C-alpha atoms as a PDB file:
ATOM      1  CA  UNK A   1       0.000   0.000   0.000  1.00  0.00           C
ATOM      2  CA  UNK A   2       2.847   2.411   0.812  1.00  0.00           C
ATOM      3  CA  UNK A   3       4.367   1.778  -2.638  1.00  0.00           C
ATOM      4  CA  UNK A   4       1.050   2.439  -4.339  1.00  0.00           C
ATOM      5  CA  UNK A   5       0.573   5.680  -2.389  1.00  0.00           C
ATOM      6  CA  UNK A   6       4.093   6.732  -3.377  1.00  0.00           C
ATOM      7  CA  UNK A   7       3.259   6.181  -7.054  1.00  0.00           C
ATOM      8  CA  UNK A   8       0.108   8.282  -6.682  1.00  0.00           C
ATOM      9  CA  UNK A   9       2.007  11.135  -5.019  1.00  0.00           C
ATOM     10  CA  UNK A  10       4.762  11.040  -7.660  1.00  0.00           C
ATOM     11  CA  UNK A  11       2.297  10.999 -10.554  1.00  0.00           C
ATOM     12  CA  UNK A  12       0.226  13.883  -9.143  1.00  0.00           C
ATOM     13  CA  UNK A  13       3.304  15.997  -8.481  1.00  0.00           C
ATOM     14  CA  UNK A  14       4.585  15.423 -12.003  1.00  0.00           C
ATOM     15  CA  UNK A  15       1.207  16.026 -13.661  1.00  0.00           C
ATOM     16  CA  UNK A  16       0.683  19.504 -12.158  1.00  0.00           C
ATOM     17  CA  UNK A  17       4.144  20.581 -13.314  1.00  0.00           C
ATOM     18  CA  UNK A  18       3.837  19.376 -16.922  1.00  0.00           C
ATOM     19  CA  UNK A  19       2.789  21.212 -20.069  1.00  0.00           C
ATOM     20  CA  UNK A  20       1.248  19.703 -23.229  1.00  0.00           C
ATOM     21  CA  UNK A  21       4.641  18.817 -24.735  1.00  0.00           C
ATOM     22  CA  UNK A  22       5.599  16.896 -21.583  1.00  0.00           C
ATOM     23  CA  UNK A  23       2.358  14.928 -21.768  1.00  0.00           C
ATOM     24  CA  UNK A  24       3.034  13.914 -25.375  1.00  0.00           C
ATOM     25  CA  UNK A  25       6.549  12.850 -24.416  1.00  0.00           C
ATOM     26  CA  UNK A  26       5.210  10.676 -21.580  1.00  0.00           C
ATOM     27  CA  UNK A  27       3.591   8.146 -23.948  1.00  0.00           C
ATOM     28  CA  UNK A  28       5.662   4.970 -24.256  1.00  0.00           C
ATOM     29  CA  UNK A  29       5.542   1.561 -25.930  1.00  0.00           C
ATOM     30  CA  UNK A  30       6.619  -1.687 -24.279  1.00  0.00           C
ATOM     31  CA  UNK A  31      10.112  -1.828 -25.760  1.00  0.00           C
ATOM     32  CA  UNK A  32      11.069   1.753 -25.020  1.00  0.00           C
ATOM     33  CA  UNK A  33      11.817   1.298 -21.321  1.00  0.00           C
ATOM     34  CA  UNK A  34      13.551  -2.089 -21.243  1.00  0.00           C
ATOM     35  CA  UNK A  35      17.074  -0.614 -20.990  1.00  0.00           C
ATOM     36  CA  UNK A  36      16.270   1.878 -18.160  1.00  0.00           C
ATOM     37  CA  UNK A  37      14.498  -0.866 -16.221  1.00  0.00           C
ATOM     38  CA  UNK A  38      17.425  -3.268 -16.431  1.00  0.00           C
ATOM     39  CA  UNK A  39      19.777  -0.477 -15.373  1.00  0.00           C
ATOM     40  CA  UNK A  40      17.623   0.189 -12.307  1.00  0.00           C
ATOM     41  CA  UNK A  41      17.312  -3.531 -11.549  1.00  0.00           C
ATOM     42  CA  UNK A  42      21.094  -3.925 -11.465  1.00  0.00           C
ATOM     43  CA  UNK A  43      21.036  -2.518  -7.924  1.00  0.00           C
ATOM     44  CA  UNK A  44      18.767  -5.437  -6.947  1.00  0.00           C
ATOM     45  CA  UNK A  45      20.897  -8.075  -8.683  1.00  0.00           C
ATOM     46  CA  UNK A  46      23.968  -7.767 -10.884  1.00  0.00           C
ATOM     47  CA  UNK A  47      22.645 -10.546 -13.141  1.00  0.00           C
ATOM     48  CA  UNK A  48      19.147  -9.059 -13.569  1.00  0.00           C
ATOM     49  CA  UNK A  49      17.552  -9.930 -16.914  1.00  0.00           C
ATOM     50  CA  UNK A  50      14.189  -9.270 -18.516  1.00  0.00           C
ATOM     51  CA  UNK A  51      11.791 -12.172 -17.930  1.00  0.00           C
ATOM     52  CA  UNK A  52       8.603 -10.564 -19.237  1.00  0.00           C
ATOM     53  CA  UNK A  53       6.495  -7.451 -19.671  1.00  0.00           C
ATOM     54  CA  UNK A  54       2.961  -6.974 -18.409  1.00  0.00           C
ATOM     55  CA  UNK A  55       0.953  -4.213 -20.016  1.00  0.00           C
ATOM     56  CA  UNK A  56      -1.898  -3.171 -17.733  1.00  0.00           C
ATOM     57  CA  UNK A  57      -4.898  -1.284 -19.147  1.00  0.00           C
ATOM     58  CA  UNK A  58      -3.122  -0.493 -22.425  1.00  0.00           C
ATOM     59  CA  UNK A  59      -4.581   2.002 -24.906  1.00  0.00           C
ATOM     60  CA  UNK A  60      -5.595   0.751 -28.346  1.00  0.00           C
ATOM     61  CA  UNK A  61      -2.448   2.313 -29.844  1.00  0.00           C
ATOM     62  CA  UNK A  62      -0.289   0.051 -27.666  1.00  0.00           C
ATOM     63  CA  UNK A  63       1.019   2.752 -25.342  1.00  0.00           C
ATOM     64  CA  UNK A  64       0.820   3.865 -21.716  1.00  0.00           C
ATOM     65  CA  UNK A  65       1.053   7.333 -20.228  1.00  0.00           C
ATOM     66  CA  UNK A  66       3.871   7.392 -17.678  1.00  0.00           C
ATOM     67  CA  UNK A  67       2.177  10.372 -16.035  1.00  0.00           C
ATOM     68  CA  UNK A  68      -0.604   8.019 -14.913  1.00  0.00           C
ATOM     69  CA  UNK A  69       1.112   4.937 -13.405  1.00  0.00           C
ATOM     70  CA  UNK A  70      -1.895   4.146 -11.196  1.00  0.00           C
ATOM     71  CA  UNK A  71      -4.312   3.771 -14.137  1.00  0.00           C
ATOM     72  CA  UNK A  72      -2.104   2.156 -16.797  1.00  0.00           C
ATOM     73  CA  UNK A  73       1.411   0.773 -16.866  1.00  0.00           C
ATOM     74  CA  UNK A  74       3.995  -1.471 -18.414  1.00  0.00           C
ATOM     75  CA  UNK A  75       5.292  -3.634 -15.581  1.00  0.00           C
ATOM     76  CA  UNK A  76       8.688  -5.172 -16.310  1.00  0.00           C
ATOM     77  CA  UNK A  77       9.289  -8.591 -14.785  1.00  0.00           C
ATOM     78  CA  UNK A  78      12.973  -9.027 -13.977  1.00  0.00           C
ATOM     79  CA  UNK A  79      14.684 -12.340 -13.222  1.00  0.00           C
ATOM     80  CA  UNK A  80      17.920 -13.214 -11.446  1.00  0.00           C
ATOM     81  CA  UNK A  81      19.657 -16.608 -11.631  1.00  0.00           C
ATOM     82  CA  UNK A  82      21.643 -15.866  -8.484  1.00  0.00           C
ATOM     83  CA  UNK A  83      18.497 -15.022  -6.491  1.00  0.00           C
ATOM     84  CA  UNK A  84      16.130 -17.451  -8.217  1.00  0.00           C
ATOM     85  CA  UNK A  85      13.236 -15.028  -8.027  1.00  0.00           C
ATOM     86  CA  UNK A  86      11.511 -12.107  -9.748  1.00  0.00           C
ATOM     87  CA  UNK A  87      11.173  -8.403  -9.116  1.00  0.00           C
ATOM     88  CA  UNK A  88       8.692  -6.035 -10.754  1.00  0.00           C
ATOM     89  CA  UNK A  89       9.436  -2.508 -12.009  1.00  0.00           C
ATOM     90  CA  UNK A  90       7.254   0.231 -13.462  1.00  0.00           C
ATOM     91  CA  UNK A  91       8.664   3.355 -15.154  1.00  0.00           C
ATOM     92  CA  UNK A  92       7.363   6.693 -13.855  1.00  0.00           C
ATOM     93  CA  UNK A  93       7.797   9.834 -15.946  1.00  0.00           C
ATOM     94  CA  UNK A  94      10.796  11.937 -14.827  1.00  0.00           C
ATOM     95  CA  UNK A  95      11.346   9.599 -11.875  1.00  0.00           C
ATOM     96  CA  UNK A  96      12.777   6.505 -13.554  1.00  0.00           C
ATOM     97  CA  UNK A  97      11.732   2.884 -12.928  1.00  0.00           C
ATOM     98  CA  UNK A  98      10.509   2.085  -9.413  1.00  0.00           C
ATOM     99  CA  UNK A  99       9.502  -1.169  -7.717  1.00  0.00           C
ATOM    100  CA  UNK A 100       5.949  -2.015  -8.702  1.00  0.00           C
ATOM    101  CA  UNK A 101       3.078  -3.035  -6.373  1.00  0.00           C
ATOM    102  CA  UNK A 102       1.651  -5.050  -9.298  1.00  0.00           C
ATOM    103  CA  UNK A 103       2.730  -8.704  -9.265  1.00  0.00           C
ATOM    104  CA  UNK A 104       1.661 -12.093 -10.681  1.00  0.00           C
ATOM    105  CA  UNK A 105      -1.388 -12.272  -8.402  1.00  0.00           C
ATOM    106  CA  UNK A 106      -2.636  -8.915  -9.691  1.00  0.00           C
ATOM    107  CA  UNK A 107      -2.017  -9.911 -13.303  1.00  0.00           C
ATOM    108  CA  UNK A 108      -3.956 -13.169 -13.028  1.00  0.00           C
ATOM    109  CA  UNK A 109      -6.901 -11.483 -11.338  1.00  0.00           C
ATOM    110  CA  UNK A 110      -7.875  -9.837 -14.642  1.00  0.00           C
ATOM    111  CA  UNK A 111      -7.949 -13.087 -16.644  1.00  0.00           C
ATOM    112  CA  UNK A 112     -11.500 -14.494 -16.575  1.00  0.00           C
ATOM    113  CA  UNK A 113     -10.926 -17.373 -19.009  1.00  0.00           C
ATOM    114  CA  UNK A 114     -10.067 -20.482 -16.945  1.00  0.00           C
ATOM    115  CA  UNK A 115      -7.911 -22.166 -19.620  1.00  0.00           C
ATOM    116  CA  UNK A 116      -5.871 -19.019 -20.265  1.00  0.00           C
ATOM    117  CA  UNK A 117      -5.427 -18.447 -16.529  1.00  0.00           C
ATOM    118  CA  UNK A 118      -4.055 -21.977 -16.091  1.00  0.00           C
ATOM    119  CA  UNK A 119      -1.586 -21.441 -18.949  1.00  0.00           C
ATOM    120  CA  UNK A 120      -0.425 -18.107 -17.498  1.00  0.00           C
ATOM    121  CA  UNK A 121      -0.012 -19.603 -14.006  1.00  0.00           C
ATOM    122  CA  UNK A 122       2.352 -22.187 -15.502  1.00  0.00           C
ATOM    123  CA  UNK A 123       4.259 -19.527 -17.432  1.00  0.00           C
ATOM    124  CA  UNK A 124       4.627 -17.259 -14.394  1.00  0.00           C
ATOM    125  CA  UNK A 125       5.903 -20.200 -12.365  1.00  0.00           C
ATOM    126  CA  UNK A 126       8.766 -20.590 -14.841  1.00  0.00           C
ATOM    127  CA  UNK A 127       9.846 -16.945 -14.918  1.00  0.00           C
ATOM    128  CA  UNK A 128      11.989 -17.150 -11.758  1.00  0.00           C
ATOM    129  CA  UNK A 129      14.510 -19.212 -13.737  1.00  0.00           C
ATOM    130  CA  UNK A 130      13.755 -18.181 -17.334  1.00  0.00           C
ATOM    131  CA  UNK A 131      14.467 -14.922 -19.136  1.00  0.00           C
ATOM    132  CA  UNK A 132      14.146 -13.342 -22.569  1.00  0.00           C
ATOM    133  CA  UNK A 133      17.360 -13.389 -24.558  1.00  0.00           C
ATOM    134  CA  UNK A 134      18.725  -9.848 -24.924  1.00  0.00           C
ATOM    135  CA  UNK A 135      18.905 -10.400 -28.703  1.00  0.00           C
ATOM    136  CA  UNK A 136      15.378 -11.819 -28.938  1.00  0.00           C
ATOM    137  CA  UNK A 137      13.231 -10.566 -31.792  1.00  0.00           C
ATOM    138  CA  UNK A 138       9.653  -9.639 -30.899  1.00  0.00           C
ATOM    139  CA  UNK A 139       6.987  -7.146 -31.925  1.00  0.00           C
ATOM    140  CA  UNK A 140       6.515  -3.928 -29.997  1.00  0.00           C
ATOM    141  CA  UNK A 141       3.119  -3.351 -28.363  1.00  0.00           C
ATOM    142  CA  UNK A 142       1.580  -1.071 -31.072  1.00  0.00           C
ATOM    143  CA  UNK A 143       2.223  -3.633 -33.832  1.00  0.00           C
ATOM    144  CA  UNK A 144       0.640  -6.426 -31.786  1.00  0.00           C
ATOM    145  CA  UNK A 145      -2.549  -4.499 -31.104  1.00  0.00           C
ATOM    146  CA  UNK A 146      -2.827  -3.314 -34.712  1.00  0.00           C
ATOM    147  CA  UNK A 147      -2.963  -6.971 -35.783  1.00  0.00           C
ATOM    148  CA  UNK A 148      -5.329  -8.102 -33.053  1.00  0.00           C
ATOM    149  CA  UNK A 149      -7.798  -5.223 -33.206  1.00  0.00           C
ATOM    150  CA  UNK A 150      -8.345  -6.001 -36.896  1.00  0.00           C
ATOM    151  CA  UNK A 151      -9.692  -9.478 -36.072  1.00  0.00           C
ATOM    152  CA  UNK A 152     -13.463 -10.083 -36.247  1.00  0.00           C
ATOM    153  CA  UNK A 153     -13.512 -11.977 -32.923  1.00  0.00           C
ATOM    154  CA  UNK A 154     -11.844  -9.047 -31.154  1.00  0.00           C
ATOM    155  CA  UNK A 155     -14.261  -6.548 -32.720  1.00  0.00           C
ATOM    156  CA  UNK A 156     -17.200  -8.744 -31.719  1.00  0.00           C
ATOM    157  CA  UNK A 157     -15.963  -9.074 -28.132  1.00  0.00           C
ATOM    158  CA  UNK A 158     -15.352  -5.356 -27.733  1.00  0.00           C
ATOM    159  CA  UNK A 159     -18.730  -4.473 -29.267  1.00  0.00           C
ATOM    160  CA  UNK A 160     -20.454  -6.892 -26.880  1.00  0.00           C
ATOM    161  CA  UNK A 161     -18.444  -5.598 -23.919  1.00  0.00           C
ATOM    162  CA  UNK A 162     -18.399  -1.774 -24.005  1.00  0.00           C
ATOM    163  CA  UNK A 163     -15.678  -0.442 -21.766  1.00  0.00           C
ATOM    164  CA  UNK A 164     -13.644  -3.651 -21.918  1.00  0.00           C
ATOM    165  CA  UNK A 165      -9.927  -3.299 -21.231  1.00  0.00           C
ATOM    166  CA  UNK A 166      -6.687  -4.581 -22.744  1.00  0.00           C
ATOM    167  CA  UNK A 167      -3.818  -6.258 -20.898  1.00  0.00           C
ATOM    168  CA  UNK A 168      -0.689  -7.666 -22.564  1.00  0.00           C
ATOM    169  CA  UNK A 169       1.911 -10.238 -21.525  1.00  0.00           C
ATOM    170  CA  UNK A 170       5.300 -10.654 -23.211  1.00  0.00           C
ATOM    171  CA  UNK A 171       6.806 -14.009 -22.206  1.00  0.00           C
ATOM    172  CA  UNK A 172       9.722 -16.190 -23.339  1.00  0.00           C
ATOM    173  CA  UNK A 173       8.538 -18.522 -26.124  1.00  0.00           C
ATOM    174  CA  UNK A 174      10.040 -21.515 -24.345  1.00  0.00           C
ATOM    175  CA  UNK A 175       7.539 -21.120 -21.468  1.00  0.00           C
ATOM    176  CA  UNK A 176       4.509 -21.482 -23.748  1.00  0.00           C
ATOM    177  CA  UNK A 177       2.725 -24.834 -24.275  1.00  0.00           C
ATOM    178  CA  UNK A 178       3.063 -24.100 -28.004  1.00  0.00           C
ATOM    179  CA  UNK A 179       6.118 -25.058 -30.109  1.00  0.00           C
ATOM    180  CA  UNK A 180       8.516 -22.129 -30.144  1.00  0.00           C
ATOM    181  CA  UNK A 181      12.162 -21.114 -29.857  1.00  0.00           C
ATOM    182  CA  UNK A 182      13.879 -20.272 -26.577  1.00  0.00           C
ATOM    183  CA  UNK A 183      15.550 -17.361 -28.367  1.00  0.00           C
ATOM    184  CA  UNK A 184      12.286 -15.533 -28.914  1.00  0.00           C
ATOM    185  CA  UNK A 185       9.475 -13.901 -26.964  1.00  0.00           C
ATOM    186  CA  UNK A 186       5.746 -13.884 -27.747  1.00  0.00           C
ATOM    187  CA  UNK A 187       2.745 -11.795 -26.760  1.00  0.00           C
ATOM    188  CA  UNK A 188      -0.457 -12.898 -25.051  1.00  0.00           C
ATOM    189  CA  UNK A 189      -3.223 -10.275 -25.086  1.00  0.00           C
ATOM    190  CA  UNK A 190      -6.189 -10.320 -22.710  1.00  0.00           C
ATOM    191  CA  UNK A 191      -9.293  -8.417 -23.814  1.00  0.00           C
ATOM    192  CA  UNK A 192     -11.533  -8.434 -20.758  1.00  0.00           C
ATOM    193  CA  UNK A 193     -14.662  -7.114 -19.126  1.00  0.00           C
ATOM    194  CA  UNK A 194     -15.787  -7.586 -15.534  1.00  0.00           C
ATOM    195  CA  UNK A 195     -17.022 -11.102 -16.292  1.00  0.00           C
ATOM    196  CA  UNK A 196     -15.310 -12.476 -19.418  1.00  0.00           C
ATOM    197  CA  UNK A 197     -12.074 -12.524 -21.403  1.00  0.00           C
ATOM    198  CA  UNK A 198     -10.891 -13.140 -24.934  1.00  0.00           C
ATOM    199  CA  UNK A 199      -7.244 -14.205 -24.720  1.00  0.00           C
ATOM    200  CA  UNK A 200      -5.081 -14.382 -27.843  1.00  0.00           C
ATOM    201  CA  UNK A 201      -1.472 -15.384 -28.509  1.00  0.00           C
ATOM    202  CA  UNK A 202       0.755 -14.073 -31.310  1.00  0.00           C
ATOM    203  CA  UNK A 203       3.851 -15.926 -32.493  1.00  0.00           C
ATOM    204  CA  UNK A 204       6.709 -13.429 -32.928  1.00  0.00           C
ATOM    205  CA  UNK A 205       8.343 -15.493 -35.682  1.00  0.00           C
ATOM    206  CA  UNK A 206       5.325 -16.099 -37.910  1.00  0.00           C
ATOM    207  CA  UNK A 207       2.849 -13.410 -36.838  1.00  0.00           C
ATOM    208  CA  UNK A 208       0.168 -16.118 -36.521  1.00  0.00           C
ATOM    209  CA  UNK A 209      -2.510 -15.345 -33.911  1.00  0.00           C
ATOM    210  CA  UNK A 210      -4.301 -18.099 -31.963  1.00  0.00           C
ATOM    211  CA  UNK A 211      -6.908 -18.089 -29.223  1.00  0.00           C
ATOM    212  CA  UNK A 212      -5.737 -19.630 -25.943  1.00  0.00           C
END
């Protein structure tokens, strides 16, 4: 709770001091903060590596506003072989990455589809010892949502669920119960309302999208 209150205070203080240009510059995609996060995580563990990215309440253009870390965020999941565990970081505009109050429990709470939740629980359980190769090729968040929002099933779900939200999970391909390469990372996108979810997976090598 103290961490969450700190994020609120930081975001409010920054917002009142920003002009329109600052607000435009506070919009970020998933890939754009990987390097700053890993630099910050080095103080936690010298062998910190990226294990995944969780996009919470992402806009349809695949971005978050770092001025509003309590309403949307990219949460970077960091892994350490020496510690055998994960830490979570969220970038805050003009403040750098800070430890995040959002964790695996929070992430799973938004997934209403039972099969997808089971798959994600298995994936999350592997992230303490698995990371994304620093040379891995994967789509950035805007490209993923451009592909998925064009699908008829996504349009149908969003039309039937006004106000539904979008969460995204970037995970190492090797953790998925789908044939893939350990050198890559793939996206899982959760379109969800208060009672239901449509959960899709996109292969970073082929671009093929499947429903989980």
